[in-house]
Amino acid sequence: MSTRKLTLLHSNDMHGDFLAENEGESGELMGGLALISGYISRVRREEEHVLFVIAGDMVQGSLIDSEYKGISTIEIMNYLSPDVVSLGNHELDYGLEHLLFLEKMANFPIVNANLHIKKYHKRLMQPHIVLKKGGLSILFIGIITEKVMDSISRDSTIGSFISLEEASAEVGRICDVYKNDDIDLTVLLTHIGFDSDKELARLLNPAWGVDLIIGGHSHTILEQPACENNILIAQAGVGTNHIGRFDITVDDDTNRITDYRWQLVAISEKNGPADQKLVDYIDSFKQEVDRKYNSLICRFATRLTHPVREEESTLGNLVADIFRECAQCDVMFMGAGAIRSRELGPAVTLGDLKACFPFDDSLKRYAITGAQLTRIFSHIMRPENRDGEGECYEVNAEVRAVYIDRTKTLETLTVAGEPIDPARHYTIGLIGYHADNCTKNLNITPGGAHAPERDQSDCHIDHRCDRRVPPDPSEPEPPD
C-alpha cells in the first residue's frame, strides 16, 4: 500500500481578531494573527507538506476591520497567505459590491459554490479549486449558510441555495465532474454551523468521495472531530486563540484517509514566537485607529460582560437599554450576535464603544399586538434556537420573560411589571438587519412586505423612528 502524508491547518470565524491578549494568571500572550503566523511558519518548517485554510468570517468584529471595512483584513491575510478560503456570512456585511472588491484584493483563492446571479445563472465566486500538495490532489468546495441571504435579502438579483438538500446536490455535481480524475482528498469548506455540517454529511452520497468538512459559523469548540457518514467534521472555535490541525495519511490507491490525528492547538508564545514583521504591520493599522478613537467617554462602576450570545448578559442589557431609549419603544430586541465585545469597561473609550457595535445600521420601530409579542418570545426562547446557530436577542430592563425548557412553553411575559395584554398594541425596536430578516428570526413579518398577503403575524412600521445608529450629530433629528 502506497501512502502520502499531509498536514492541514484550519481556522474559522477569525472576525478581525488581529491582536494577541494577555490571558490567565501568568499573563501569557495568546491569540492574534502574528502568533498564528509564527505557529504556521513553525509547522511548515517541521512538516514537509502543509496547507492552511479558513472556513469563512475573516472580517467584522474588530475596530480595525470596521474602520477599514475589511481592507485591512485582506491586506493582513495576504501576508498570512492561506492556501484557500471560503465565504462566511460576515464577508457580505459591507455590501456585495465591496465583497467583490475585497476578492480582487486577495492574493489567495476564495471559493463559494452557491452564490449566483439568478437571471444569468452565473456564479459570483470560484466554486472550487484543486490544490496539489505532496503528490496529492485535493479538491476544496466552498458552501455557505442560508444566512448569506440575510445580508443581501433586498437584492433580488442574487440567489443562494437555501437548503442543505440543494447544497448537497451541488456538491454532488461538482464531485461528478472530477469522478474520472485522480482526486485524493475532497474537502468541504463550509460556513453553516456544526449541527448543519453533520446534517449535510448525512445527505452526501458516499460515491462522491467527500472526506472532510472544515466548518464555521457556530463557533464550536471540539475535543475531537465528529464523524458522520464516514466524513470527518471539524471546527476551531472563534477568533485566533486556537487553530485546528489535521495530520492525515492517505492511501494512494483508494484515495481514502487511512489514519489521522487532530488537535485544537492553543495559539500562544509556547507554540512559537510571534511573527515580528506582522506585529509591526498590524500595529501600523492600530496606531491610526487609536489616534482616532482613543478618547475616554465614560467609566462604569464595574466591568460588563457578554461571554455567549445564547444567555442574557450585563453588557447585552446595557446595549438593549440604550437602543430602547433611542427608539422610545416598549421592547427592544437587540441581536446578541451583533454585540461584538465580550466585555466593556470600567473605562470606556470611543473605540471600545464602536468595537462593541461596529455595524453601520439603522434603528426601526414597529407596532404589534400583545399576542404577536408573545409569539415572538415563544419563538426566540425555544431551546433549538439556543444551539449556537439560532438568532438570540437581548431585551431592555422593563421586560421579564420566563420560558420552561422542559415543556417548551413561555410561562410568563411582562412589560413594565404588567402582564402582556393580547389585544393591546406594543412598540418594538429592531436593528435594520434584524428588521429585514424578522420573518425567519422572529417569526413575524413587517407590514406584509415579506409575505404574499397580510395575516395576523404582520407588524406595522412607525416611520417616526428610522435613523442611523448611532445618530449622526451632523444630521438634524427627524420630526417626532
Protein backbone atom coordinates (compact mmCIF):
# COMPACT_ATOMS: atom_id res chain seq x y z
CA MET A 1 0.00 0.00 0.00
CA SER A 2 1.35 3.41 -1.02
CA THR A 3 0.52 6.28 1.36
CA ARG A 4 1.12 10.02 1.49
CA LYS A 5 1.02 12.44 4.41
CA LEU A 6 -0.49 15.90 4.69
CA THR A 7 -0.81 18.46 7.49
CA LEU A 8 -3.97 20.57 7.17
CA LEU A 9 -4.21 23.64 9.42
CA HIS A 10 -7.58 25.36 9.63
CA SER A 11 -9.24 28.45 11.15
CA ASN A 12 -12.73 29.90 11.03
CA ASP A 13 -14.62 32.93 12.35
CA MET A 14 -11.46 34.97 12.92
CA HIS A 15 -13.57 38.16 12.87
CA GLY A 16 -10.69 40.62 12.54
CA ASP A 17 -9.12 39.28 15.77
CA PHE A 18 -5.68 40.63 14.92
CA LEU A 19 -4.10 41.25 18.32
CA ALA A 20 -2.69 38.95 20.99
CA GLU A 21 -4.00 39.41 24.52
CA ASN A 22 -2.65 38.65 27.98
CA GLU A 23 -4.65 35.81 29.50
CA GLY A 24 -4.54 33.67 32.64
CA GLU A 25 -2.71 34.29 35.88
CA SER A 26 0.67 34.22 34.13
CA GLY A 27 -0.37 36.95 31.72
CA GLU A 28 0.79 34.83 28.80
CA LEU A 29 0.17 36.28 25.34
CA MET A 30 -2.44 34.27 23.46
CA GLY A 31 -4.06 34.56 20.06
CA GLY A 32 -3.57 37.19 17.40
CA LEU A 33 -2.51 36.78 13.80
CA ALA A 34 1.19 37.35 14.48
CA LEU A 35 1.30 34.33 16.82
CA ILE A 36 -0.75 32.29 14.33
CA SER A 37 1.75 33.27 11.63
CA GLY A 38 4.58 32.17 13.90
CA TYR A 39 2.92 28.81 14.53
CA ILE A 40 2.17 28.21 10.85
CA SER A 41 5.80 29.02 9.97
CA ARG A 42 6.98 26.57 12.61
CA VAL A 43 4.73 23.77 11.27
CA ARG A 44 5.87 24.45 7.72
CA ARG A 45 9.48 24.04 8.88
CA GLU A 46 8.73 20.82 10.75
CA GLU A 47 6.39 19.14 8.25
CA GLU A 48 7.03 18.59 4.57
CA HIS A 49 3.52 19.13 3.17
CA VAL A 50 1.30 21.75 4.84
CA LEU A 51 -1.88 23.58 3.81
CA PHE A 52 -3.63 26.38 5.73
CA VAL A 53 -7.35 27.00 5.07
CA ILE A 54 -10.01 29.34 6.52
CA ALA A 55 -13.73 28.48 6.68
CA GLY A 56 -15.33 31.93 6.49
CA ASP A 57 -15.83 35.11 8.53
CA MET A 58 -12.37 36.60 8.30
CA VAL A 59 -13.89 40.08 8.63
CA GLN A 60 -16.15 42.02 11.01
CA GLY A 61 -15.75 42.06 14.76
CA SER A 62 -12.84 44.37 15.48
CA LEU A 63 -12.46 48.13 15.39
CA ILE A 64 -9.58 47.93 12.90
CA ASP A 65 -11.60 45.80 10.49
CA SER A 66 -14.67 48.02 10.85
CA GLU A 67 -12.71 51.23 10.30
CA TYR A 68 -11.16 49.92 7.07
CA LYS A 69 -14.25 47.90 6.01
CA GLY A 70 -12.31 44.67 5.65
CA ILE A 71 -9.49 46.13 3.54
CA SER A 72 -7.07 45.87 6.47
CA THR A 73 -8.10 42.25 6.99
CA ILE A 74 -7.45 41.25 3.39
CA GLU A 75 -4.08 43.03 3.36
CA ILE A 76 -3.07 41.23 6.55
CA MET A 77 -4.40 37.93 5.21
CA ASN A 78 -2.30 38.43 2.08
CA TYR A 79 0.69 38.44 4.43
CA LEU A 80 -0.59 35.32 6.21
CA SER A 81 -1.13 33.68 2.79
CA PRO A 82 -3.79 31.00 3.33
CA ASP A 83 -3.97 28.36 0.60
CA VAL A 84 -7.75 28.66 0.20
CA VAL A 85 -10.60 30.48 1.95
CA SER A 86 -14.38 30.11 1.82
CA LEU A 87 -17.00 32.82 2.35
CA GLY A 88 -18.80 33.37 5.64
CA ASN A 89 -21.95 35.41 6.15
CA HIS A 90 -19.99 38.38 7.56
CA GLU A 91 -17.94 38.72 4.38
CA LEU A 92 -21.09 40.39 2.99
CA ASP A 93 -21.52 42.88 5.84
CA TYR A 94 -20.02 45.74 3.85
CA GLY A 95 -22.17 45.00 0.81
CA LEU A 96 -21.92 42.72 -2.20
CA GLU A 97 -20.04 45.24 -4.32
CA HIS A 98 -17.44 45.72 -1.60
CA LEU A 99 -17.03 41.95 -1.24
CA LEU A 100 -16.22 41.70 -4.95
CA PHE A 101 -13.63 44.47 -4.44
CA LEU A 102 -12.11 42.61 -1.48
CA GLU A 103 -11.95 39.43 -3.56
CA LYS A 104 -9.91 41.26 -6.20
CA MET A 105 -7.54 42.45 -3.45
CA ALA A 106 -6.96 38.92 -2.16
CA ASN A 107 -3.80 37.11 -3.26
CA PHE A 108 -5.41 33.80 -2.29
CA PRO A 109 -8.40 31.91 -3.77
CA ILE A 110 -11.86 32.46 -2.25
CA VAL A 111 -14.26 29.62 -3.09
CA ASN A 112 -18.03 29.52 -2.93
CA ALA A 113 -20.22 27.20 -4.97
CA ASN A 114 -23.67 28.59 -4.23
CA LEU A 115 -23.82 32.35 -4.73
CA HIS A 116 -25.04 33.17 -8.22
CA ILE A 117 -26.73 35.82 -10.38
CA LYS A 118 -30.22 34.43 -10.85
CA LYS A 119 -31.01 35.91 -14.27
CA TYR A 120 -27.82 34.71 -15.96
CA HIS A 121 -27.21 31.55 -13.95
CA LYS A 122 -23.64 32.65 -13.34
CA ARG A 123 -21.66 32.20 -10.16
CA LEU A 124 -20.24 35.15 -8.28
CA MET A 125 -17.24 33.24 -6.99
CA GLN A 126 -14.93 30.45 -8.00
CA PRO A 127 -16.87 27.40 -6.74
CA HIS A 128 -13.97 25.09 -6.05
CA ILE A 129 -10.26 24.61 -6.51
CA VAL A 130 -7.91 21.65 -6.80
CA LEU A 131 -4.63 22.12 -4.94
CA LYS A 132 -1.58 19.93 -5.41
CA LYS A 133 0.50 19.19 -2.33
CA GLY A 134 2.93 16.36 -1.64
CA GLY A 135 1.77 14.31 -4.59
CA LEU A 136 -1.88 14.66 -3.52
CA SER A 137 -4.68 16.32 -5.48
CA ILE A 138 -7.10 17.94 -3.03
CA LEU A 139 -10.50 19.27 -4.12
CA PHE A 140 -11.85 22.14 -1.97
CA ILE A 141 -15.50 23.23 -2.35
CA GLY A 142 -16.99 26.30 -0.58
CA ILE A 143 -20.52 26.14 0.85
CA ILE A 144 -22.21 28.93 2.83
CA THR A 145 -25.21 29.01 5.15
CA GLU A 146 -28.62 30.35 4.15
CA LYS A 147 -27.69 33.27 6.44
CA VAL A 148 -25.90 34.78 3.46
CA MET A 149 -29.37 35.76 2.29
CA ASP A 150 -29.79 37.94 5.40
CA SER A 151 -27.10 40.38 4.30
CA ILE A 152 -28.34 40.70 0.72
CA SER A 153 -32.04 39.98 1.22
CA ARG A 154 -33.01 43.24 -0.55
CA ASP A 155 -31.00 42.36 -3.67
CA SER A 156 -33.37 40.29 -5.81
CA THR A 157 -30.71 39.59 -8.43
CA ILE A 158 -28.55 37.45 -6.14
CA GLY A 159 -29.52 33.93 -5.15
CA SER A 160 -28.17 31.17 -2.96
CA PHE A 161 -29.00 27.57 -2.21
CA ILE A 162 -31.12 27.94 0.89
CA SER A 163 -31.44 24.28 1.89
CA LEU A 164 -28.93 21.62 2.82
CA GLU A 165 -30.51 19.34 0.23
CA GLU A 166 -29.71 21.82 -2.55
CA ALA A 167 -26.19 22.33 -1.21
CA SER A 168 -25.70 18.56 -1.12
CA ALA A 169 -26.84 18.25 -4.72
CA GLU A 170 -24.39 20.97 -5.79
CA VAL A 171 -21.54 19.16 -4.04
CA GLY A 172 -22.53 16.03 -5.93
CA ARG A 173 -22.49 17.82 -9.28
CA ILE A 174 -19.00 19.21 -8.64
CA CYS A 175 -17.64 15.88 -7.44
CA ASP A 176 -19.10 14.14 -10.51
CA VAL A 177 -17.10 16.48 -12.76
CA TYR A 178 -13.93 15.02 -11.22
CA LYS A 179 -15.08 11.39 -11.00
CA ASN A 180 -12.63 10.33 -13.72
CA ASP A 181 -9.76 12.36 -12.26
CA ASP A 182 -7.40 11.16 -9.55
CA ILE A 183 -8.67 13.27 -6.64
CA ASP A 184 -7.03 12.05 -3.45
CA LEU A 185 -8.99 14.16 -0.93
CA THR A 186 -12.24 16.13 -1.13
CA VAL A 187 -12.75 18.84 1.49
CA LEU A 188 -15.84 20.99 2.02
CA LEU A 189 -15.11 24.45 3.47
CA THR A 190 -18.49 25.33 4.93
CA HIS A 191 -19.99 28.13 6.96
CA ILE A 192 -23.28 26.65 8.09
CA GLY A 193 -22.73 25.69 11.76
CA PHE A 194 -21.64 22.42 13.35
CA ASP A 195 -25.07 20.77 13.58
CA SER A 196 -25.81 21.66 9.96
CA ASP A 197 -22.40 20.27 8.96
CA LYS A 198 -23.39 16.93 10.47
CA GLU A 199 -26.74 17.01 8.71
CA LEU A 200 -25.08 17.88 5.40
CA ALA A 201 -22.63 14.99 5.80
CA ARG A 202 -25.54 12.57 6.21
CA LEU A 203 -27.04 13.81 2.93
CA LEU A 204 -23.88 13.26 0.86
CA ASN A 205 -23.60 10.21 -1.35
CA PRO A 206 -20.51 8.18 -0.30
CA ALA A 207 -19.74 7.70 -4.01
CA TRP A 208 -18.91 11.42 -4.22
CA GLY A 209 -15.85 10.79 -2.05
CA VAL A 210 -16.10 13.69 0.42
CA ASP A 211 -13.53 13.09 3.17
CA LEU A 212 -13.58 16.19 5.38
CA ILE A 213 -15.83 19.08 6.32
CA ILE A 214 -13.98 22.08 7.77
CA GLY A 215 -16.71 24.33 9.12
CA GLY A 216 -17.52 27.56 10.91
CA HIS A 217 -20.33 29.90 11.96
CA SER A 218 -21.37 28.19 15.24
CA HIS A 219 -18.01 28.91 16.96
CA THR A 220 -17.87 25.30 18.16
CA ILE A 221 -15.01 24.09 20.37
CA LEU A 222 -14.30 20.38 19.89
CA GLU A 223 -12.26 17.79 21.72
CA GLN A 224 -12.24 15.58 18.62
CA PRO A 225 -13.83 15.79 15.17
CA ALA A 226 -17.30 14.37 14.65
CA CYS A 227 -17.76 11.59 12.10
CA GLU A 228 -20.94 11.31 10.05
CA ASN A 229 -21.34 9.06 7.01
CA ASN A 230 -17.57 8.37 7.23
CA ILE A 231 -16.86 12.10 6.84
CA LEU A 232 -14.75 13.86 9.48
CA ILE A 233 -16.13 17.21 10.64
CA ALA A 234 -14.04 19.80 12.49
CA GLN A 235 -14.15 23.43 13.57
CA ALA A 236 -11.76 25.65 15.57
CA GLY A 237 -13.97 27.80 17.79
CA VAL A 238 -13.83 31.53 17.20
CA GLY A 239 -11.16 34.21 16.92
CA THR A 240 -7.46 33.44 16.85
CA ASN A 241 -6.85 31.76 20.21
CA HIS A 242 -6.93 28.33 18.54
CA ILE A 243 -6.15 26.69 15.24
CA GLY A 244 -7.21 23.22 14.11
CA ARG A 245 -4.61 20.76 12.92
CA PHE A 246 -5.12 17.54 10.94
CA ASP A 247 -2.16 15.22 10.35
CA ILE A 248 -3.52 12.89 7.69
CA THR A 249 -2.33 9.72 5.98
CA VAL A 250 -3.96 8.99 2.61
CA ASP A 251 -3.97 5.69 0.70
CA ASP A 252 -2.76 6.48 -2.81
CA ASP A 253 -4.66 3.54 -4.31
CA THR A 254 -8.10 4.04 -2.71
CA ASN A 255 -7.88 7.83 -2.23
CA ARG A 256 -9.15 7.48 1.31
CA ILE A 257 -7.88 8.59 4.71
CA THR A 258 -6.32 5.61 6.47
CA ASP A 259 -5.10 7.41 9.58
CA TYR A 260 -5.37 10.87 11.11
CA ARG A 261 -4.61 12.87 14.22
CA TRP A 262 -6.48 16.08 15.03
CA GLN A 263 -5.61 18.73 17.60
CA LEU A 264 -7.16 22.01 18.66
CA VAL A 265 -3.91 23.90 19.14
CA ALA A 266 -3.82 26.79 21.61
CA ILE A 267 -2.06 29.76 19.99
CA SER A 268 0.42 31.15 22.48
CA GLU A 269 4.08 32.00 22.85
CA LYS A 270 4.69 28.39 23.90
CA ASN A 271 3.90 27.19 20.38
CA GLY A 272 6.17 29.59 18.57
CA PRO A 273 7.27 33.23 18.67
CA ALA A 274 5.16 35.94 17.11
CA ASP A 275 5.99 36.99 13.56
CA GLN A 276 7.53 40.40 14.31
CA LYS A 277 7.06 41.75 10.79
CA LEU A 278 3.35 41.00 11.03
CA VAL A 279 3.25 42.58 14.51
CA ASP A 280 4.66 45.79 13.02
CA TYR A 281 2.30 45.67 10.04
CA ILE A 282 -0.80 45.24 12.20
CA ASP A 283 0.47 47.97 14.50
CA SER A 284 0.51 50.41 11.58
CA PHE A 285 -3.28 50.00 11.33
CA LYS A 286 -3.75 50.05 15.10
CA GLN A 287 -1.91 53.34 15.54
CA GLU A 288 -4.19 55.08 13.04
CA VAL A 289 -7.31 53.72 14.73
CA ASP A 290 -6.05 54.55 18.23
CA ARG A 291 -5.40 58.17 17.26
CA LYS A 292 -8.98 58.48 16.08
CA TYR A 293 -10.83 56.55 18.78
CA ASN A 294 -8.77 56.66 21.99
CA SER A 295 -10.73 59.42 23.75
CA LEU A 296 -12.32 58.39 27.06
CA ILE A 297 -16.10 58.88 27.08
CA CYS A 298 -17.24 57.32 30.38
CA ARG A 299 -16.40 54.98 33.23
CA PHE A 300 -18.58 52.20 34.65
CA ALA A 301 -18.63 51.09 38.27
CA THR A 302 -17.74 47.57 37.11
CA ARG A 303 -16.78 45.64 34.00
CA LEU A 304 -19.74 44.46 31.89
CA THR A 305 -19.51 41.12 30.09
CA HIS A 306 -21.12 39.33 27.16
CA PRO A 307 -19.48 35.86 27.08
CA VAL A 308 -22.03 33.94 24.97
CA ARG A 309 -24.88 35.06 22.74
CA GLU A 310 -27.35 32.43 24.00
CA GLU A 311 -27.61 33.90 27.52
CA GLU A 312 -28.62 37.24 28.98
CA SER A 313 -25.57 39.35 29.84
CA THR A 314 -24.79 42.59 31.65
CA LEU A 315 -23.34 44.17 28.50
CA GLY A 316 -26.28 42.94 26.44
CA ASN A 317 -28.67 44.50 28.92
CA LEU A 318 -26.90 47.86 28.65
CA VAL A 319 -26.93 47.90 24.84
CA ALA A 320 -30.61 46.92 24.74
CA ASP A 321 -31.44 49.70 27.23
CA ILE A 322 -29.52 52.28 25.19
CA PHE A 323 -31.30 51.40 21.96
CA ARG A 324 -34.69 51.23 23.73
CA GLU A 325 -34.17 54.80 24.87
CA CYS A 326 -33.21 55.87 21.32
CA ALA A 327 -36.25 54.15 19.79
CA GLN A 328 -38.66 55.10 22.60
CA CYS A 329 -40.23 51.64 22.39
CA ASP A 330 -41.72 49.18 24.86
CA VAL A 331 -39.47 46.26 23.90
CA MET A 332 -36.03 46.44 22.26
CA PHE A 333 -34.88 43.25 20.55
CA MET A 334 -31.10 43.61 20.36
CA GLY A 335 -29.46 40.83 18.35
CA ALA A 336 -26.99 39.22 20.75
CA GLY A 337 -24.62 38.33 17.92
CA ALA A 338 -24.41 41.99 16.90
CA ILE A 339 -22.70 42.79 20.22
CA ARG A 340 -19.12 42.06 19.20
CA SER A 341 -17.31 42.69 22.51
CA ARG A 342 -17.06 40.08 25.23
CA GLU A 343 -16.53 42.76 27.86
CA LEU A 344 -16.65 46.52 28.23
CA GLY A 345 -15.32 48.85 30.94
CA PRO A 346 -14.80 50.00 33.56
CA ALA A 347 -13.10 52.76 31.48
CA VAL A 348 -14.74 53.09 28.05
CA THR A 349 -13.16 54.82 25.07
CA LEU A 350 -14.89 55.80 21.86
CA GLY A 351 -13.05 52.91 20.22
CA ASP A 352 -14.32 50.44 22.83
CA LEU A 353 -17.88 51.56 22.17
CA LYS A 354 -17.53 51.34 18.39
CA ALA A 355 -15.92 47.89 18.66
CA CYS A 356 -18.88 46.76 20.76
CA PHE A 357 -21.29 47.58 17.91
CA PRO A 358 -19.25 48.14 14.72
CA PHE A 359 -22.12 47.94 12.24
CA ASP A 360 -23.41 50.84 10.11
CA ASP A 361 -27.12 50.17 10.51
CA SER A 362 -30.50 51.75 11.22
CA LEU A 363 -32.88 51.53 14.16
CA LYS A 364 -36.55 50.89 13.40
CA ARG A 365 -39.73 50.87 15.45
CA TYR A 366 -42.81 48.75 14.85
CA ALA A 367 -46.23 48.37 16.45
CA ILE A 368 -47.52 44.84 17.13
CA THR A 369 -50.18 43.21 19.30
CA GLY A 370 -49.53 41.52 22.60
CA ALA A 371 -50.43 38.19 21.01
CA GLN A 372 -47.74 38.73 18.38
CA LEU A 373 -45.23 39.77 21.05
CA THR A 374 -45.93 36.56 22.96
CA ARG A 375 -45.39 34.56 19.79
CA ILE A 376 -42.03 36.26 19.21
CA PHE A 377 -40.76 35.36 22.67
CA SER A 378 -42.02 31.79 22.31
CA HIS A 379 -40.04 31.57 19.06
CA ILE A 380 -36.73 33.13 20.13
CA MET A 381 -36.58 31.42 23.56
CA ARG A 382 -37.17 27.87 22.34
CA PRO A 383 -34.25 25.51 23.10
CA GLU A 384 -33.47 24.73 19.45
CA ASN A 385 -32.81 28.43 18.86
CA ARG A 386 -30.08 28.35 21.51
CA ASP A 387 -27.85 25.82 19.75
CA GLY A 388 -25.17 28.23 18.54
CA GLU A 389 -26.81 28.64 15.13
CA GLY A 390 -30.05 30.47 16.02
CA GLU A 391 -30.57 34.23 16.38
CA CYS A 392 -30.83 35.17 20.06
CA TYR A 393 -31.80 38.57 21.49
CA GLU A 394 -31.07 40.78 24.47
CA VAL A 395 -34.00 42.85 25.76
CA ASN A 396 -34.40 46.01 27.84
CA ALA A 397 -34.85 46.15 31.62
CA GLU A 398 -38.63 46.64 31.55
CA VAL A 399 -39.16 43.18 30.02
CA ARG A 400 -39.41 39.94 32.03
CA ALA A 401 -39.86 36.60 30.27
CA VAL A 402 -39.82 33.09 31.79
CA TYR A 403 -39.55 30.08 29.47
CA ILE A 404 -39.80 26.44 30.59
CA ASP A 405 -37.46 24.29 28.53
CA ARG A 406 -38.97 21.02 29.75
CA THR A 407 -42.43 21.80 28.40
CA LYS A 408 -41.24 24.23 25.69
CA THR A 409 -43.69 26.89 26.83
CA LEU A 410 -43.47 30.59 27.61
CA GLU A 411 -44.71 30.71 31.20
CA THR A 412 -44.84 34.48 31.80
CA LEU A 413 -44.17 37.67 29.86
CA THR A 414 -44.46 41.15 31.37
CA VAL A 415 -43.56 44.66 30.25
CA ALA A 416 -43.07 47.37 32.91
CA GLY A 417 -44.41 44.94 35.52
CA GLU A 418 -47.71 44.34 33.70
CA PRO A 419 -48.70 41.01 32.05
CA ILE A 420 -49.00 41.20 28.29
CA ASP A 421 -52.48 42.03 27.02
CA PRO A 422 -53.00 40.03 23.80
CA ALA A 423 -55.22 42.74 22.26
CA ARG A 424 -53.13 45.78 23.20
CA HIS A 425 -50.52 47.25 20.85
CA TYR A 426 -46.86 47.44 21.92
CA THR A 427 -43.95 49.13 20.17
CA ILE A 428 -40.80 47.12 19.50
CA GLY A 429 -37.36 48.26 18.34
CA LEU A 430 -35.15 46.38 15.87
CA ILE A 431 -31.80 46.99 14.24
CA GLY A 432 -32.34 47.29 10.48
CA TYR A 433 -30.57 43.98 9.77
CA HIS A 434 -32.96 42.11 12.07
CA ALA A 435 -35.98 44.03 10.77
CA ASP A 436 -35.13 42.93 7.22
CA ASN A 437 -34.92 39.29 8.35
CA CYS A 438 -37.59 39.18 11.03
CA THR A 439 -39.72 36.52 9.31
CA LYS A 440 -37.11 33.83 9.95
CA ASN A 441 -35.57 35.16 13.15
CA LEU A 442 -38.64 36.49 14.98
CA ASN A 443 -41.47 34.56 13.31
CA ILE A 444 -43.19 37.79 12.25
CA THR A 445 -43.39 39.78 9.00
CA PRO A 446 -43.08 43.58 8.70
CA GLY A 447 -46.25 45.02 7.20
CA GLY A 448 -46.70 42.10 4.81
CA ALA A 449 -43.55 43.16 2.95
CA HIS A 450 -42.09 39.66 3.15
CA ALA A 451 -45.34 37.78 2.81
CA PRO A 452 -47.62 37.28 -0.20
CA GLU A 453 -50.61 38.53 1.74
CA ARG A 454 -51.30 40.22 5.07
CA ASP A 455 -52.13 37.96 8.02
CA GLN A 456 -52.22 38.32 11.76
CA SER A 457 -48.45 37.89 12.00
CA ASP A 458 -47.88 41.19 10.18
CA CYS A 459 -46.46 44.14 12.08
CA HIS A 460 -46.74 47.79 11.12
CA ILE A 461 -43.83 50.21 10.96
CA ASP A 462 -43.91 53.51 12.80
CA HIS A 463 -41.93 55.72 10.41
CA ARG A 464 -41.22 58.30 13.11
CA CYS A 465 -38.23 56.24 14.27
CA ASP A 466 -35.96 55.16 11.44
CA ARG A 467 -32.50 56.58 12.00
CA ARG A 468 -28.84 55.68 11.71
CA VAL A 469 -27.28 54.04 14.74
CA PRO A 470 -25.67 55.82 16.42
CA PRO A 471 -27.26 59.07 15.17
CA ASP A 472 -25.01 61.24 13.04
CA PRO A 473 -24.51 64.51 15.01
CA SER A 474 -24.19 66.40 11.72
CA GLU A 475 -27.77 65.48 10.79
CA PRO A 476 -30.85 67.14 12.33
CA GLU A 477 -33.15 64.99 14.45
CA PRO A 478 -36.18 63.80 12.44
CA PRO A 479 -39.52 65.31 13.50
CA ASP A 480 -41.42 63.25 16.04
